[in-house]
Protein backbone atom coordinates (compact mmCIF):
# COMPACT_ATOMS: atom_id res chain seq x y z
CA MET A 1 0.00 0.00 0.00
CA THR A 2 1.04 3.61 -0.42
CA PHE A 3 0.76 6.80 1.61
CA GLU A 4 -1.25 9.75 0.39
CA ARG A 5 -2.27 12.93 2.13
CA GLN A 6 -5.72 13.26 0.71
CA PRO A 7 -7.70 16.50 0.76
CA LEU A 8 -10.83 16.85 2.84
CA PRO A 9 -13.56 14.87 1.10
CA GLN A 10 -16.37 16.73 -0.58
CA LYS A 11 -19.02 14.46 0.94
CA SER A 12 -19.90 14.31 4.61
CA THR A 13 -17.97 11.72 6.59
CA LEU A 14 -17.00 10.78 10.13
CA ASN A 15 -13.40 10.22 9.06
CA VAL A 16 -11.37 11.53 12.02
CA VAL A 17 -8.04 11.18 10.20
CA ALA A 18 -9.21 13.28 7.28
CA LYS A 19 -9.93 16.23 9.55
CA THR A 20 -6.24 16.58 10.45
CA GLN A 21 -4.84 16.34 6.93
CA GLY A 22 -4.06 20.01 6.68
CA THR A 23 -1.14 19.72 9.10
CA ASN A 24 2.45 19.80 7.87
CA MET A 25 4.65 16.75 7.86
CA THR A 26 6.43 16.38 11.22
CA LYS A 27 10.16 15.91 11.74
CA LYS A 28 9.60 12.28 12.78
CA ALA A 29 7.81 11.60 9.52
CA GLN A 30 10.62 13.28 7.61
CA VAL A 31 13.17 11.08 9.37
CA VAL A 32 11.23 7.92 8.43
CA ILE A 33 11.00 9.10 4.82
CA ALA A 34 14.72 9.90 4.71
CA ILE A 35 15.68 6.48 6.09
CA ALA A 36 13.34 4.68 3.69
CA THR A 37 14.66 6.68 0.75
CA ALA A 38 18.29 5.99 1.64
CA ALA A 39 17.59 2.27 1.99
CA GLY A 40 15.70 2.28 -1.32
CA ILE A 41 18.62 3.92 -3.12
CA ALA A 42 20.99 1.36 -1.63
CA SER A 43 18.73 -1.49 -2.78
CA LEU A 44 18.57 -0.05 -6.29
CA ALA A 45 22.35 0.33 -6.37
CA TYR A 46 22.79 -3.28 -5.25
CA GLY A 47 20.33 -4.42 -7.90
CA ALA A 48 22.11 -2.39 -10.57
CA ALA A 49 25.37 -4.08 -9.61
CA GLN A 50 23.68 -7.44 -10.29
CA SER A 51 22.01 -6.38 -13.54
CA GLY A 52 24.36 -8.61 -15.49
CA LEU A 53 22.69 -11.64 -13.88
CA MET A 54 19.31 -10.90 -15.50
CA THR A 55 17.73 -13.91 -17.19
CA GLU A 56 14.56 -14.59 -19.20
CA PRO A 57 13.98 -11.05 -20.50
CA ALA A 58 10.63 -12.01 -22.02
CA ARG A 59 9.31 -13.24 -18.68
CA PHE A 60 10.66 -10.14 -16.96
CA ALA A 61 8.88 -7.93 -19.49
CA MET A 62 5.59 -9.79 -19.06
CA VAL A 63 5.64 -9.58 -15.25
CA LEU A 64 6.62 -5.90 -15.47
CA VAL A 65 3.71 -5.10 -17.79
CA VAL A 66 1.06 -6.88 -15.72
CA ALA A 67 2.46 -5.41 -12.48
CA VAL A 68 2.23 -1.90 -13.95
CA LEU A 69 -1.30 -2.48 -15.24
CA ALA A 70 -2.42 -3.93 -11.90
CA ALA A 71 -0.84 -0.96 -10.08
CA ARG A 72 -3.58 1.23 -11.55
CA LEU A 73 -6.20 -1.07 -9.99
CA LYS A 74 -6.24 0.57 -6.58
CA VAL A 75 -8.68 1.54 -3.88
CA THR A 76 -8.53 4.11 -1.11
CA LEU A 77 -8.50 2.58 2.35
CA PRO A 78 -11.46 3.93 4.35
CA GLY A 79 -10.44 6.05 7.32
CA LEU A 80 -6.77 6.16 6.25
CA THR A 81 -4.65 8.46 4.11
CA GLY A 82 -3.45 5.60 1.96
CA SER A 83 -4.39 3.44 -1.01
CA MET A 84 -3.92 -0.22 -1.88
CA ALA A 85 -3.07 -1.52 -5.33
CA PHE A 86 -3.72 -5.05 -6.56
CA ASN A 87 -0.38 -5.84 -8.16
CA LEU A 88 0.96 -7.72 -5.13
CA PRO A 89 0.74 -11.21 -6.75
CA PHE A 90 3.09 -10.01 -9.47
CA LEU A 91 5.51 -8.42 -7.01
CA LEU A 92 5.57 -11.68 -5.05
CA LEU A 93 6.06 -13.59 -8.29
CA ALA A 94 8.97 -11.34 -9.18
CA LEU A 95 10.75 -11.59 -5.85
CA THR A 96 10.40 -15.38 -5.63
CA GLU A 97 10.94 -16.37 -9.26
CA LEU A 98 13.11 -13.65 -10.81
CA PRO A 99 16.62 -12.38 -10.01
CA PHE A 100 16.97 -9.69 -7.35
CA ALA A 101 17.67 -6.89 -9.85
CA GLN A 102 14.56 -7.66 -11.90
CA ALA A 103 12.33 -7.90 -8.80
CA VAL A 104 13.52 -4.51 -7.50
CA ALA A 105 13.09 -2.90 -10.92
CA ILE A 106 9.53 -4.19 -11.23
CA ALA A 107 8.66 -2.92 -7.74
CA ALA A 108 10.07 0.53 -8.51
CA VAL A 109 8.30 0.98 -11.85
CA ALA A 110 4.98 -0.46 -10.65
CA THR A 111 4.89 1.71 -7.52
CA LEU A 112 5.83 4.81 -9.47
CA THR A 113 2.92 4.05 -11.81
CA GLN A 114 0.59 3.65 -8.84
CA CYS A 115 1.53 7.13 -7.59
CA LEU A 116 0.92 8.91 -10.89
CA PRO A 117 0.00 11.67 -11.50
CA PHE A 118 2.10 13.52 -8.92
CA ARG A 119 0.11 16.74 -9.23
CA ARG A 120 -3.23 15.23 -8.29
CA PRO A 121 -4.70 16.19 -4.89
CA GLY A 122 -3.18 14.14 -2.09
CA MET A 123 0.04 13.11 -3.83
CA ARG A 124 3.28 15.08 -3.67
CA PRO A 125 6.69 14.17 -5.09
CA VAL A 126 8.10 13.50 -1.62
CA GLN A 127 5.25 11.10 -0.90
CA ALA A 128 5.76 9.35 -4.22
CA LEU A 129 9.46 9.04 -3.41
CA PHE A 130 8.64 7.50 -0.03
CA ASN A 131 6.13 5.09 -1.57
CA VAL A 132 8.56 3.90 -4.24
CA ALA A 133 11.37 3.53 -1.70
CA THR A 134 9.16 1.60 0.72
CA LEU A 135 8.04 -0.90 -1.92
CA ILE A 136 11.62 -1.28 -3.16
CA ASN A 137 12.78 -2.00 0.40
CA ALA A 138 9.95 -4.47 1.03
CA THR A 139 10.71 -6.26 -2.24
CA ALA A 140 14.47 -6.31 -1.63
CA LEU A 141 14.12 -7.67 1.90
CA SER A 142 11.55 -10.28 0.88
CA ALA A 143 13.63 -11.34 -2.13
CA ALA A 144 16.68 -11.80 0.09
CA VAL A 145 14.65 -13.94 2.51
CA ALA A 146 13.10 -15.99 -0.32
CA GLN A 147 16.45 -16.63 -2.01
CA THR A 148 18.03 -17.63 1.31
CA LEU A 149 15.27 -20.16 1.97
CA GLN A 150 15.42 -21.51 -1.59
CA HIS A 151 19.18 -22.01 -1.40
CA SER A 152 18.92 -23.66 2.02
CA GLY A 153 16.51 -26.34 0.83
CA SER A 154 13.34 -24.76 2.26
CA ALA A 155 11.84 -23.62 -1.03
CA ASN A 156 8.32 -24.56 0.12
CA LEU A 157 8.54 -21.93 2.87
CA ALA A 158 9.94 -19.19 0.64
CA LEU A 159 6.64 -17.75 -0.57
CA PRO A 160 4.68 -17.65 2.73
CA ILE A 161 7.60 -16.29 4.73
CA ALA A 162 8.52 -13.78 2.04
CA THR A 163 4.89 -12.61 1.96
CA ALA A 164 4.90 -12.10 5.73
CA VAL A 165 8.16 -10.15 5.52
CA PHE A 166 6.77 -8.05 2.67
CA PHE A 167 3.62 -7.28 4.64
CA VAL A 168 5.54 -6.02 7.67
CA ALA A 169 8.16 -4.15 5.64
CA ASN A 170 5.45 -2.47 3.55
CA THR A 171 2.86 -1.57 6.18
CA LEU A 172 5.00 -0.51 9.16
CA PRO A 173 6.75 2.44 7.45
CA VAL A 174 3.45 3.59 5.94
CA ALA A 175 1.75 3.37 9.33
CA ALA A 176 4.61 5.29 10.94
CA VAL A 177 4.47 8.16 8.42
CA ILE A 178 0.67 8.40 8.61
CA ALA A 179 0.77 8.35 12.42
CA PHE A 180 3.53 10.97 12.66
CA THR A 181 1.92 13.17 10.00
CA GLU A 182 -1.59 13.02 11.41
CA LYS A 183 -0.36 12.88 15.04
CA ALA A 184 -2.24 9.66 15.65
CA ASP A 185 -1.44 6.43 17.49
CA MET A 186 0.83 4.28 15.30
CA ALA A 187 -0.44 0.97 16.73
CA ALA A 188 -4.02 2.00 15.97
CA ILE A 189 -3.11 3.09 12.43
CA TRP A 190 -1.24 -0.15 11.76
CA GLY A 191 -4.17 -2.13 13.15
CA ARG A 192 -6.53 -0.46 10.71
CA ILE A 193 -4.11 -1.11 7.86
CA PHE A 194 -3.88 -4.75 8.97
CA ASN A 195 -7.67 -5.15 9.01
CA ALA A 196 -8.02 -3.55 5.58
CA SER A 197 -5.16 -5.25 3.74
CA PHE A 198 -4.25 -8.57 5.42
CA ALA A 199 -6.83 -10.57 3.47
CA SER A 200 -5.45 -9.11 0.24
CA PHE A 201 -1.93 -10.27 1.16
CA VAL A 202 -3.15 -13.80 1.92
CA LEU A 203 -5.10 -13.89 -1.37
CA SER A 204 -2.10 -12.55 -3.27
CA ALA A 205 0.18 -15.24 -1.84
CA GLY A 206 -2.35 -17.87 -2.92
CA MET A 207 -2.60 -16.36 -6.40
CA THR A 208 1.19 -16.30 -6.70
CA SER A 209 1.38 -19.97 -5.73
CA MET A 210 -1.22 -20.78 -8.39
CA ILE A 211 0.74 -18.81 -11.02
CA VAL A 212 3.95 -20.70 -10.19
CA THR A 213 2.12 -24.05 -10.40
CA ALA A 214 0.27 -23.19 -13.62
CA ASP A 215 3.53 -21.92 -15.12
CA ARG A 216 4.78 -25.50 -15.31
CA PHE A 217 1.85 -26.48 -17.58
CA PHE A 218 0.82 -23.33 -19.44
CA GLY A 219 3.87 -21.06 -19.35
CA TRP A 220 4.38 -17.69 -17.71
CA GLN A 221 1.67 -16.11 -19.93
CA ILE A 222 -0.84 -17.34 -17.31
CA SER A 223 -0.08 -14.08 -15.48
CA LEU A 224 -2.50 -12.33 -17.83
CA VAL A 225 -5.33 -14.44 -16.46
CA THR A 226 -4.35 -13.46 -12.93
CA LEU A 227 -4.63 -9.79 -13.91
CA ALA A 228 -8.28 -10.36 -14.77
CA VAL A 229 -8.83 -12.07 -11.42
CA MET A 230 -7.29 -9.14 -9.54
CA PHE A 231 -9.58 -6.77 -11.43
CA GLY A 232 -12.52 -8.68 -9.98
CA VAL A 233 -10.98 -8.62 -6.49
CA ARG A 234 -10.48 -4.86 -6.74
CA HIS A 235 -14.15 -4.43 -7.73
CA CYS A 236 -15.21 -6.38 -4.63
CA TYR A 237 -12.98 -4.29 -2.37
CA LYS A 238 -14.38 -1.08 -3.87
CA PHE A 239 -17.91 -2.25 -3.19
CA TYR A 240 -17.04 -3.25 0.37
CA PHE A 241 -15.12 -0.05 1.19
CA ALA A 242 -17.90 2.09 -0.28
CA GLY A 243 -20.29 0.43 2.16
CA ALA A 244 -17.84 0.96 5.02
CA GLU A 245 -17.66 4.69 4.25
CA ALA A 246 -21.40 5.05 3.81
CA LYS A 247 -22.34 3.34 7.08
CA PRO A 248 -20.97 6.05 9.45
CA LEU A 249 -22.69 8.71 7.33
CA GLN A 250 -25.98 6.85 7.54
CA GLU A 251 -25.61 6.52 11.29
CA LYS A 252 -24.88 10.23 11.59
CA LEU A 253 -27.95 11.15 9.51
CA GLN A 254 -30.13 8.79 11.51
CA ALA A 255 -28.88 10.29 14.77
CA ALA A 256 -29.59 13.79 13.46
CA ALA A 257 -33.07 12.76 12.40
CA VAL A 258 -33.81 11.25 15.82
CA ALA A 259 -32.51 14.39 17.53
CA ALA A 260 -34.69 16.58 15.30
CA LEU A 261 -37.77 14.54 16.13
CA GLY A 262 -36.95 14.73 19.82
CA ASN A 263 -36.81 18.52 19.70
CA ARG A 264 -40.32 18.83 18.32
């Protein structure tokens, strides 16, 4: 997921976080962004040093294309200044099946695509930089864990453990920046991110496992089918989150109506 400082919504809402979005980014948030950016640059540099080890350019190009397309399939998390894209199966596929350099490159390009355009309300260049760096770091760390497990004879554990590492490495920095920026409780913010995105991570790991299995019979082009599946998943999330946002508004209107009747 990525961090966005979204403007106050035009429709009525009980979103407490949104009411504090006019505040400036705090020094703590700036420190987190600086650390994430430095680590992301280091990961890119390490990947560039290994660029000569790239293999299967056609497969790399296919995963890159579907990851970029799926990055535009995103939803805004209700009650949070962040969004979630549905390209995770392809990022997990890249970090478990492709060389480190290719996995990092796919994460960088896909996340940059997710953040576009930079001039839209709620997205600034510094936030886009943080988002790209965070996803690069999560991919790099997960890829290192997956490759270690694969080389140690525990290949069956590579995907689930790498997914867990990716989840923590992705969501914790985002939760920290949101909490520091909005001056909210980080544990509470991370808990809301967990509730909103954990099921998507589990589903993505399952989809990645299916892609790897189907690859043996149908080839890596099966990723295109997965893109269609993630489009359906995104539609379901949009429908669910729209209901989650509408429910507090309905409760507020009902309470106002009851209060108006009581004053008669």
